Amino acid sequence: MRKLKNDDRGVTLVEIIVSIAILAIIVLPFLNAFVTATKTNVKAKNEMNATHLATNIMEGIEKNSMKTLAYQFNYPSEGFDVADGFNISDGSSACELLKKSGKFDNVKRLEDISAEIVNKDDIITSCIHKTDASAKISDTSLWNFRESDAHKYYFYMSGVQSGTKKYNALVTVDAKSDAESDNKVKKYNMDEVADMSAMDANFDCMSADKYSATNIIYAFNNMPGVGGITQQDIKRTITIDIEKYGASSNKATKVTVSYSYSINKNGVRKTFPDPNSALKDDYTMVIYDNSSDTVNHNLRNVYLFYNPWYTSTGTLYNTCNDVIIINNKDKLDCTVNIVKQKTISDQSELSTKESTYKAYVKVSEPGNRTGHAYTHIATNLNVNMGAPDNPLQPDQAIYGFNNNVIQNDVKAIVDIKNLTKSNASERLYDVKVAVYESKASLDDIFKDKDPVVTMTGSMGY
């Protein structure tokens, strides 16, 4: 057999360098792709967490009214449901901010301002204030909301958990539309504001006329000893009773609307229906009762849709034949929307009738001497429905509060807004939620640092 010769020569340096170069050419693209993929995955996960948080915050904002939203950001330790993952004990925080001259300032709660400061208006305060130190988020009658003149609000959250990371979020709530070149507040006509599809039965209730004037005239003229009655002779009173009832530990809210009619002619005084008759029930309706509500929703709006009686032309509160009484017995913070309905198709005739129409609207809150009413009124009284573009008629409604009928006094106590103009313009806000890395400071955010994600939407008033 041929004997093989052993070769113990090593690999040369040149061969090693060439091998390394070949390996680098093959491996480096894969390594770069791996690093890029890792960075992309981290960024994608970051954006996914931030998007989830932005969606979470947006949904929380949309389910709250503007007042409740402001309360939660200014009193976060007393109940905060705007975002899951928010826990003030974990170092999270929420607050309201004010933007002025391009700069942001922290606001102060009015009750936190030193009593020694005389000119409290010089201090930047939050848009929501407690009127009672013991008030909680459910005690809506014990805190007040101050609307911003600019109708724009800023709220800030820090240290909010989403996934394995924490983020900061800046929420901008704006009643102005950036899409409009003149930046006007959005306007909605009466039909849109009073649209029943926009109402929520958990918070709102409504009532409408059940019987016409013809029915009531017929009823009076069929009474013994009564005859020749016309609509001019009849005084109509619509009463809205708002009250708490039930066990003291779990009082429910009930709203009842009742109609009554009276005449005083030629010495004959009659009331229909008789308060002691079963017929009374036909003219009394419970329109809201949350006693079976397990979520404990709070009354928000009462809508009264009614056909005005144009025979009501008295210039004094006690000479009006159309009377609307709101008995807010337990002083619940809510809005009563009084909506006149159009009953005459001819615009010229309607305009004439509207120009002389008078209604007496009385708010009764027994024992309230605070200087402000818990009942708010939004109405299209003072608007001539036959000529809606004409100037308002400030004397179409005569207002009273408890025993006070001095108009300037009453209007200083009761918040009265026009349904078709001022109130309509505030019913929808644009919302922007910008989510930032938690390491981004307030200064970074205010210097227009790019957020991880931005989301926009809208919320109701």
Protein backbone atom coordinates (compact mmCIF):
# COMPACT_ATOMS: atom_id res chain seq x y z
CA MET A 1 0.00 0.00 0.00
CA ARG A 2 1.05 3.51 -0.79
CA LYS A 3 2.00 5.37 2.34
CA LEU A 4 0.35 8.81 2.66
CA LYS A 5 2.54 11.64 3.68
CA ASN A 6 1.35 13.73 6.68
CA ASP A 7 0.83 17.51 5.97
CA ASP A 8 1.08 19.55 9.13
CA ARG A 9 1.14 22.99 7.55
CA GLY A 10 -1.23 25.60 9.17
CA VAL A 11 -3.73 28.07 7.66
CA THR A 12 -2.11 31.21 6.40
CA LEU A 13 -3.09 34.71 7.66
CA VAL A 14 -4.33 35.60 4.21
CA GLU A 15 -6.71 32.64 4.23
CA ILE A 16 -8.10 33.72 7.63
CA ILE A 17 -8.69 37.30 6.50
CA VAL A 18 -10.40 36.13 3.33
CA SER A 19 -12.63 33.76 5.35
CA ILE A 20 -13.61 36.53 7.77
CA ALA A 21 -14.39 38.89 4.91
CA ILE A 22 -16.58 36.28 3.22
CA LEU A 23 -18.37 35.56 6.53
CA ALA A 24 -18.94 39.29 7.14
CA ILE A 25 -20.40 39.75 3.68
CA ILE A 26 -22.88 36.94 4.37
CA VAL A 27 -23.75 37.66 8.05
CA LEU A 28 -23.84 41.47 8.30
CA PRO A 29 -26.99 41.97 6.17
CA PHE A 30 -28.81 39.39 8.30
CA LEU A 31 -27.56 41.04 11.50
CA ASN A 32 -28.66 44.47 10.30
CA ALA A 33 -32.07 43.08 9.36
CA PHE A 34 -32.36 41.54 12.83
CA VAL A 35 -31.51 44.84 14.57
CA THR A 36 -33.91 46.76 12.32
CA ALA A 37 -36.69 44.25 12.93
CA THR A 38 -36.11 44.47 16.68
CA LYS A 39 -36.32 48.29 16.60
CA THR A 40 -39.44 48.15 14.42
CA ASN A 41 -41.11 45.70 16.77
CA VAL A 42 -40.31 47.88 19.78
CA LYS A 43 -41.66 50.98 18.01
CA ALA A 44 -44.75 49.14 16.81
CA LYS A 45 -45.44 47.85 20.31
CA ASN A 46 -44.93 51.34 21.71
CA GLU A 47 -47.36 52.82 19.20
CA MET A 48 -49.84 50.02 19.88
CA ASN A 49 -49.74 50.69 23.63
CA ALA A 50 -50.07 54.43 23.06
CA THR A 51 -52.95 53.93 20.61
CA HIS A 52 -54.72 51.67 23.10
CA LEU A 53 -54.30 54.35 25.79
CA ALA A 54 -55.52 57.15 23.48
CA THR A 55 -58.60 55.08 22.57
CA ASN A 56 -59.18 54.34 26.23
CA ILE A 57 -58.99 58.04 27.16
CA MET A 58 -61.18 59.10 24.24
CA GLU A 59 -63.90 56.64 25.22
CA GLY A 60 -63.71 57.87 28.81
CA ILE A 61 -64.05 61.48 27.70
CA GLU A 62 -67.00 60.79 25.41
CA LYS A 63 -69.02 59.14 28.18
CA ASN A 64 -68.65 62.16 30.50
CA SER A 65 -70.25 65.59 30.37
CA MET A 66 -67.94 68.58 30.21
CA LYS A 67 -68.66 69.38 33.86
CA THR A 68 -67.94 65.86 35.11
CA LEU A 69 -64.79 65.67 32.99
CA ALA A 70 -63.50 68.90 34.54
CA TYR A 71 -64.34 67.62 38.03
CA GLN A 72 -62.40 64.39 37.55
CA PHE A 73 -59.23 66.12 36.37
CA ASN A 74 -59.34 68.63 39.22
CA TYR A 75 -60.30 66.10 41.92
CA PRO A 76 -58.77 62.84 40.57
CA SER A 77 -58.41 61.14 43.96
CA GLU A 78 -62.21 61.19 44.46
CA GLY A 79 -63.18 59.13 41.42
CA PHE A 80 -61.52 58.94 38.00
CA ASP A 81 -62.94 56.81 35.19
CA VAL A 82 -61.58 58.68 32.17
CA ALA A 83 -58.82 56.10 31.66
CA ASP A 84 -58.12 52.55 32.83
CA GLY A 85 -54.65 52.16 34.30
CA PHE A 86 -54.88 55.49 36.10
CA ASN A 87 -54.03 55.06 39.76
CA ILE A 88 -52.98 58.11 41.68
CA SER A 89 -51.35 55.90 44.33
CA ASP A 90 -48.90 54.64 41.69
CA GLY A 91 -47.59 58.13 41.02
CA SER A 92 -50.11 58.99 38.34
CA SER A 93 -51.52 62.50 38.30
CA ALA A 94 -54.23 64.48 36.54
CA CYS A 95 -54.78 68.21 36.43
CA GLU A 96 -56.21 71.08 34.44
CA LEU A 97 -53.96 73.55 32.65
CA LEU A 98 -54.52 77.01 31.23
CA LYS A 99 -52.90 78.27 28.03
CA LYS A 100 -52.30 81.99 27.88
CA SER A 101 -50.08 83.93 25.47
CA GLY A 102 -48.73 80.66 24.12
CA LYS A 103 -47.69 79.40 27.55
CA PHE A 104 -49.25 76.88 29.91
CA ASP A 105 -49.83 77.54 33.59
CA ASN A 106 -51.03 75.25 36.33
CA VAL A 107 -54.42 76.21 37.69
CA LYS A 108 -55.45 76.29 41.32
CA ARG A 109 -58.68 75.09 42.84
CA LEU A 110 -60.58 78.00 44.29
CA GLU A 111 -60.81 76.42 47.73
CA ASP A 112 -57.02 75.96 47.80
CA ILE A 113 -56.33 79.67 47.41
CA SER A 114 -55.32 81.39 50.61
CA ALA A 115 -58.16 83.20 52.33
CA GLU A 116 -55.82 86.16 52.72
CA ILE A 117 -55.80 86.80 48.97
CA VAL A 118 -58.40 89.47 48.28
CA ASN A 119 -58.30 89.59 44.48
CA LYS A 120 -58.97 85.94 43.77
CA ASP A 121 -59.87 86.80 40.16
CA ASP A 122 -56.18 87.53 39.58
CA ILE A 123 -55.34 83.89 40.36
CA ILE A 124 -55.69 81.29 37.62
CA THR A 125 -58.31 78.89 38.94
CA SER A 126 -59.81 75.67 37.66
CA CYS A 127 -63.08 75.70 35.73
CA ILE A 128 -64.79 73.54 38.37
CA HIS A 129 -65.20 74.45 42.03
CA LYS A 130 -66.74 72.80 45.05
CA THR A 131 -69.32 74.72 47.01
CA ASP A 132 -69.02 72.24 49.85
CA ALA A 133 -65.73 70.75 51.04
CA SER A 134 -67.35 67.36 51.63
CA ALA A 135 -68.77 67.11 48.08
CA LYS A 136 -67.94 64.06 45.98
CA ILE A 137 -68.20 63.43 42.28
CA SER A 138 -71.81 62.27 42.64
CA ASP A 139 -72.85 65.47 44.43
CA THR A 140 -73.37 67.53 41.29
CA SER A 141 -75.44 70.09 43.15
CA LEU A 142 -72.43 70.94 45.33
CA TRP A 143 -69.95 71.99 42.64
CA ASN A 144 -70.04 74.70 39.98
CA PHE A 145 -68.66 74.83 36.45
CA ARG A 146 -67.26 78.09 35.08
CA GLU A 147 -67.19 78.22 31.32
CA SER A 148 -64.07 79.53 29.67
CA ASP A 149 -64.56 82.63 27.53
CA ALA A 150 -62.50 80.91 24.84
CA HIS A 151 -64.54 77.68 25.23
CA LYS A 152 -61.27 75.77 25.28
CA TYR A 153 -59.89 73.54 28.04
CA TYR A 154 -56.62 71.66 28.60
CA PHE A 155 -56.18 68.62 30.84
CA TYR A 156 -52.96 66.71 31.56
CA MET A 157 -52.33 63.16 32.74
CA SER A 158 -48.97 61.69 33.69
CA GLY A 159 -47.77 58.21 34.56
CA VAL A 160 -50.71 56.38 32.98
CA GLN A 161 -50.10 52.65 32.48
CA SER A 162 -50.65 50.98 29.10
CA GLY A 163 -49.13 47.55 28.57
CA THR A 164 -45.77 47.48 30.30
CA LYS A 165 -45.08 51.20 29.88
CA LYS A 166 -46.31 54.47 31.31
CA TYR A 167 -47.24 57.50 29.25
CA ASN A 168 -48.29 61.11 29.59
CA ALA A 169 -51.32 62.55 27.79
CA LEU A 170 -52.45 66.06 26.92
CA VAL A 171 -56.21 66.43 26.32
CA THR A 172 -57.55 69.48 24.49
CA VAL A 173 -61.32 70.08 24.59
CA ASP A 174 -62.44 72.79 22.19
CA ALA A 175 -65.87 74.14 21.27
CA LYS A 176 -64.39 75.79 18.20
CA SER A 177 -63.90 74.05 14.87
CA ASP A 178 -60.37 74.30 13.45
CA ALA A 179 -61.78 73.40 10.05
CA GLU A 180 -63.70 76.67 9.91
CA SER A 181 -61.63 79.51 8.50
CA ASP A 182 -63.26 82.07 10.77
CA ASN A 183 -62.92 79.77 13.78
CA LYS A 184 -66.51 80.35 14.89
CA VAL A 185 -68.19 78.34 17.59
CA LYS A 186 -70.27 75.58 16.05
CA LYS A 187 -73.97 76.38 15.66
CA TYR A 188 -76.90 73.99 15.77
CA ASN A 189 -80.51 74.96 15.19
CA MET A 190 -83.35 74.24 17.59
CA ASP A 191 -84.49 71.09 15.81
CA GLU A 192 -81.05 69.53 16.13
CA VAL A 193 -80.69 70.49 19.79
CA ALA A 194 -84.15 69.17 20.67
CA ASP A 195 -83.74 66.03 18.53
CA MET A 196 -85.08 63.12 20.59
CA SER A 197 -82.51 60.74 19.09
CA ALA A 198 -79.78 62.68 20.89
CA MET A 199 -81.36 62.09 24.29
CA ASP A 200 -80.36 59.37 26.75
CA ALA A 201 -83.16 57.93 28.87
CA ASN A 202 -80.67 57.27 31.67
CA PHE A 203 -80.11 61.00 32.13
CA ASP A 204 -82.89 62.81 30.24
CA CYS A 205 -86.68 62.83 30.17
CA MET A 206 -89.35 64.61 28.17
CA SER A 207 -93.01 65.58 28.20
CA ALA A 208 -95.34 66.93 25.52
CA ASP A 209 -98.89 68.32 25.52
CA LYS A 210 -101.50 65.59 25.79
CA TYR A 211 -104.73 67.58 25.42
CA SER A 212 -105.55 70.50 23.11
CA ALA A 213 -107.24 73.76 24.08
CA THR A 214 -110.39 72.51 22.34
CA ASN A 215 -110.57 69.56 24.76
CA ILE A 216 -110.28 71.86 27.77
CA ILE A 217 -112.87 74.38 26.51
CA TYR A 218 -115.31 71.51 25.96
CA ALA A 219 -114.66 70.20 29.50
CA PHE A 220 -115.42 73.57 31.12
CA ASN A 221 -118.53 74.24 29.04
CA ASN A 222 -119.94 70.87 30.13
CA MET A 223 -119.66 71.73 33.83
CA PRO A 224 -122.93 72.61 35.64
CA GLY A 225 -123.46 76.37 35.75
CA VAL A 226 -120.68 77.11 33.27
CA GLY A 227 -121.08 78.15 29.65
CA GLY A 228 -119.71 80.42 26.98
CA ILE A 229 -116.09 79.73 27.96
CA THR A 230 -113.41 80.51 25.36
CA GLN A 231 -109.64 79.93 25.47
CA GLN A 232 -109.21 83.56 26.51
CA ASP A 233 -110.93 82.73 29.82
CA ILE A 234 -108.72 79.78 30.74
CA LYS A 235 -105.47 79.87 32.68
CA ARG A 236 -103.19 76.87 32.08
CA THR A 237 -100.56 75.80 34.61
CA ILE A 238 -97.88 73.22 33.74
CA THR A 239 -96.06 71.99 36.84
CA ILE A 240 -92.78 70.08 36.78
CA ASP A 241 -91.98 68.41 40.12
CA ILE A 242 -88.39 67.23 40.58
CA GLU A 243 -87.79 65.33 43.80
CA LYS A 244 -85.97 62.59 45.66
CA TYR A 245 -87.98 59.80 47.24
CA GLY A 246 -87.50 56.45 48.90
CA ALA A 247 -85.18 55.29 51.67
CA SER A 248 -82.74 57.94 52.86
CA SER A 249 -79.77 55.71 52.05
CA ASN A 250 -80.83 55.20 48.45
CA LYS A 251 -83.12 57.99 47.36
CA ALA A 252 -84.33 57.80 43.79
CA THR A 253 -85.14 60.76 41.56
CA LYS A 254 -88.62 61.25 40.15
CA VAL A 255 -89.89 63.87 37.71
CA THR A 256 -93.62 64.43 37.39
CA VAL A 257 -95.40 66.75 34.96
CA SER A 258 -98.99 67.80 35.63
CA TYR A 259 -101.45 70.07 33.84
CA SER A 260 -104.24 72.04 35.48
CA TYR A 261 -106.68 74.65 34.15
CA SER A 262 -108.77 77.28 35.89
CA ILE A 263 -111.39 79.93 35.07
CA ASN A 264 -112.62 82.97 36.96
CA LYS A 265 -115.45 84.55 35.00
CA ASN A 266 -118.56 86.37 36.16
CA GLY A 267 -118.02 85.19 39.70
CA VAL A 268 -117.64 81.55 38.64
CA ARG A 269 -114.41 79.86 39.73
CA LYS A 270 -113.67 76.38 38.47
CA THR A 271 -110.65 74.12 38.20
CA PHE A 272 -110.16 71.27 35.80
CA PRO A 273 -109.49 68.49 36.41
CA ASP A 274 -110.81 68.30 39.96
CA PRO A 275 -107.81 67.56 42.22
CA ASN A 276 -109.94 65.00 44.09
CA SER A 277 -111.17 63.13 41.04
CA ALA A 278 -109.64 60.11 39.32
CA LEU A 279 -109.48 62.22 36.18
CA LYS A 280 -106.54 64.04 37.76
CA ASP A 281 -104.33 61.04 36.91
CA ASP A 282 -104.93 61.59 33.19
CA TYR A 283 -103.26 64.97 33.47
CA THR A 284 -100.33 63.85 35.62
CA MET A 285 -97.38 61.91 34.17
CA VAL A 286 -94.23 60.49 35.78
CA ILE A 287 -91.62 61.02 33.07
CA TYR A 288 -88.47 59.98 34.99
CA ASP A 289 -87.89 57.43 37.74
CA ASN A 290 -84.46 55.89 38.32
CA SER A 291 -85.43 53.80 41.36
CA SER A 292 -84.63 50.58 39.46
CA ASP A 293 -81.35 51.94 38.09
CA THR A 294 -78.44 49.86 39.38
CA VAL A 295 -75.84 52.25 37.92
CA ASN A 296 -77.21 55.29 39.77
CA HIS A 297 -77.44 57.69 36.83
CA ASN A 298 -78.13 61.31 37.71
CA LEU A 299 -80.87 63.42 36.15
CA ARG A 300 -79.39 65.77 33.56
CA ASN A 301 -82.13 67.25 31.36
CA VAL A 302 -85.88 67.68 31.53
CA TYR A 303 -87.46 68.58 28.17
CA LEU A 304 -90.88 70.21 28.12
CA PHE A 305 -92.30 70.43 24.60
CA TYR A 306 -95.49 72.49 24.69
CA ASN A 307 -97.88 74.34 22.39
CA PRO A 308 -98.08 77.99 23.49
CA TRP A 309 -101.49 79.50 24.18
CA TYR A 310 -101.37 82.80 22.34
CA THR A 311 -104.28 84.07 24.43
CA SER A 312 -101.68 84.58 27.17
CA THR A 313 -100.75 88.23 26.67
CA GLY A 314 -100.70 89.59 30.23
CA THR A 315 -97.82 91.91 31.00
CA LEU A 316 -97.55 90.88 34.66
CA TYR A 317 -96.69 87.50 36.12
CA ASN A 318 -100.14 87.12 37.66
CA THR A 319 -101.97 88.06 34.46
CA CYS A 320 -100.34 85.45 32.20
CA ASN A 321 -102.61 82.60 31.11
CA ASP A 322 -99.64 80.33 30.38
CA VAL A 323 -97.79 79.43 33.58
CA ILE A 324 -94.90 76.97 33.92
CA ILE A 325 -93.83 76.08 37.47
CA ILE A 326 -90.62 74.13 38.18
CA ASN A 327 -90.59 72.70 41.71
CA ASN A 328 -87.03 71.51 42.36
CA LYS A 329 -87.84 70.34 45.86
CA ASP A 330 -84.49 68.74 46.67
CA LYS A 331 -82.36 71.25 44.76
CA LEU A 332 -80.94 68.83 42.17
CA ASP A 333 -78.51 70.26 39.65
CA CYS A 334 -80.25 69.86 36.29
CA THR A 335 -81.41 71.76 33.21
CA VAL A 336 -85.06 72.23 32.27
CA ASN A 337 -85.43 72.78 28.52
CA ILE A 338 -88.65 74.67 27.78
CA VAL A 339 -89.36 74.30 24.08
CA LYS A 340 -92.23 76.10 22.35
CA GLN A 341 -93.66 74.16 19.42
CA LYS A 342 -94.81 75.73 16.17
CA THR A 343 -98.62 75.46 15.90
CA ILE A 344 -99.31 78.02 13.14
CA SER A 345 -98.00 77.38 9.63
CA ASP A 346 -98.47 80.90 8.29
CA GLN A 347 -95.26 82.73 9.21
CA SER A 348 -96.85 86.19 9.18
CA GLU A 349 -99.68 85.16 11.49
CA LEU A 350 -97.26 83.26 13.72
CA SER A 351 -94.97 86.28 13.95
CA THR A 352 -97.87 88.49 15.07
CA LYS A 353 -99.00 85.99 17.71
CA GLU A 354 -95.47 85.50 18.98
CA SER A 355 -94.90 89.25 19.31
CA THR A 356 -97.61 89.56 21.98
CA TYR A 357 -97.18 86.18 23.70
CA LYS A 358 -96.25 86.16 27.39
CA ALA A 359 -95.50 83.20 29.66
CA TYR A 360 -94.74 83.15 33.37
CA VAL A 361 -91.97 80.72 34.34
CA LYS A 362 -91.40 80.21 38.06
CA VAL A 363 -88.57 78.22 39.66
CA SER A 364 -89.26 77.07 43.20
CA GLU A 365 -86.42 75.75 45.39
CA PRO A 366 -87.66 75.77 49.00
CA GLY A 367 -85.07 76.99 51.48
CA ASN A 368 -82.49 77.98 48.86
CA ARG A 369 -80.82 81.22 49.97
CA THR A 370 -77.42 80.61 48.36
CA GLY A 371 -77.85 83.30 45.71
CA HIS A 372 -77.80 80.81 42.86
CA ALA A 373 -80.35 78.28 41.62
CA TYR A 374 -79.64 74.61 41.07
CA THR A 375 -82.22 74.66 38.28
CA HIS A 376 -80.90 75.88 34.93
CA ILE A 377 -83.21 76.87 32.10
CA ALA A 378 -82.61 76.53 28.38
CA THR A 379 -85.48 77.79 26.26
CA ASN A 380 -86.61 79.25 22.95
CA LEU A 381 -88.87 81.65 24.79
CA ASN A 382 -87.80 85.16 23.69
CA VAL A 383 -87.40 83.92 20.10
CA ASN A 384 -90.15 84.86 17.64
CA MET A 385 -90.65 81.58 15.80
CA GLY A 386 -92.42 83.44 12.98
CA ALA A 387 -89.35 85.65 12.48
CA PRO A 388 -86.41 83.77 14.06
CA ASP A 389 -83.79 86.07 12.51
CA ASN A 390 -85.27 89.13 14.21
CA PRO A 391 -83.75 90.42 17.46
CA LEU A 392 -84.72 88.58 20.62
CA GLN A 393 -87.83 89.56 22.58
CA PRO A 394 -86.48 89.74 26.14
CA ASP A 395 -89.94 90.32 27.61
CA GLN A 396 -91.68 87.27 26.12
CA ALA A 397 -90.99 85.32 29.30
CA ILE A 398 -91.57 86.64 32.82
CA TYR A 399 -89.43 84.76 35.35
CA GLY A 400 -89.79 84.17 39.06
CA PHE A 401 -87.65 82.49 41.71
CA ASN A 402 -89.40 81.46 44.91
CA ASN A 403 -91.26 84.66 45.90
CA ASN A 404 -89.06 87.00 43.86
CA VAL A 405 -90.43 88.33 40.55
CA ILE A 406 -87.98 91.22 40.06
CA GLN A 407 -86.54 90.25 36.68
CA ASN A 408 -82.96 91.45 37.19
CA ASP A 409 -82.78 89.66 40.54
CA VAL A 410 -84.22 86.42 39.18
CA LYS A 411 -81.93 86.38 36.15
CA ALA A 412 -78.93 86.85 38.43
CA ILE A 413 -80.01 83.79 40.42
CA VAL A 414 -81.24 81.44 37.68
CA ASP A 415 -78.97 80.51 34.78
CA ILE A 416 -81.22 81.17 31.75
CA LYS A 417 -79.91 80.45 28.26
CA ASN A 418 -81.51 80.69 24.86
CA LEU A 419 -82.02 77.23 23.38
CA THR A 420 -81.49 78.18 19.74
CA LYS A 421 -78.48 80.44 20.11
CA SER A 422 -76.19 80.39 23.17
CA ASN A 423 -77.01 76.92 24.44
CA ALA A 424 -76.91 75.36 20.99
CA SER A 425 -73.41 76.65 20.36
CA GLU A 426 -72.03 74.81 23.41
CA ARG A 427 -73.47 71.36 22.83
CA LEU A 428 -70.55 69.77 20.97
CA TYR A 429 -66.81 69.89 21.68
CA ASP A 430 -63.89 68.76 19.54
CA VAL A 431 -61.45 66.62 21.51
CA LYS A 432 -57.77 65.87 20.82
CA VAL A 433 -55.77 63.35 22.85
CA ALA A 434 -51.99 63.40 22.38
CA VAL A 435 -50.02 60.59 24.07
CA TYR A 436 -46.32 61.08 24.85
CA GLU A 437 -43.48 58.97 26.20
CA SER A 438 -43.43 59.26 29.99
CA LYS A 439 -39.89 60.65 29.84
CA ALA A 440 -41.19 63.66 27.91
CA SER A 441 -41.47 66.57 30.31
CA LEU A 442 -44.17 69.22 30.27
CA ASP A 443 -41.65 71.62 28.74
CA ASP A 444 -40.97 69.14 25.93
CA ILE A 445 -44.67 68.69 25.24
CA PHE A 446 -45.35 72.40 25.26
CA LYS A 447 -42.50 72.92 22.81
CA ASP A 448 -44.47 70.80 20.29
CA LYS A 449 -42.51 67.61 20.85
CA ASP A 450 -44.01 64.95 18.58
CA PRO A 451 -46.40 62.63 20.45
CA VAL A 452 -46.32 58.88 20.00
CA VAL A 453 -49.91 59.02 18.77
CA THR A 454 -52.67 61.60 18.39
CA MET A 455 -56.42 60.86 18.31
CA THR A 456 -59.36 63.19 17.70
CA GLY A 457 -63.08 62.90 18.35
CA SER A 458 -66.00 64.79 19.85
CA MET A 459 -68.12 64.87 22.98
CA GLY A 460 -71.49 66.29 23.94
CA TYR A 461 -71.98 69.16 26.34
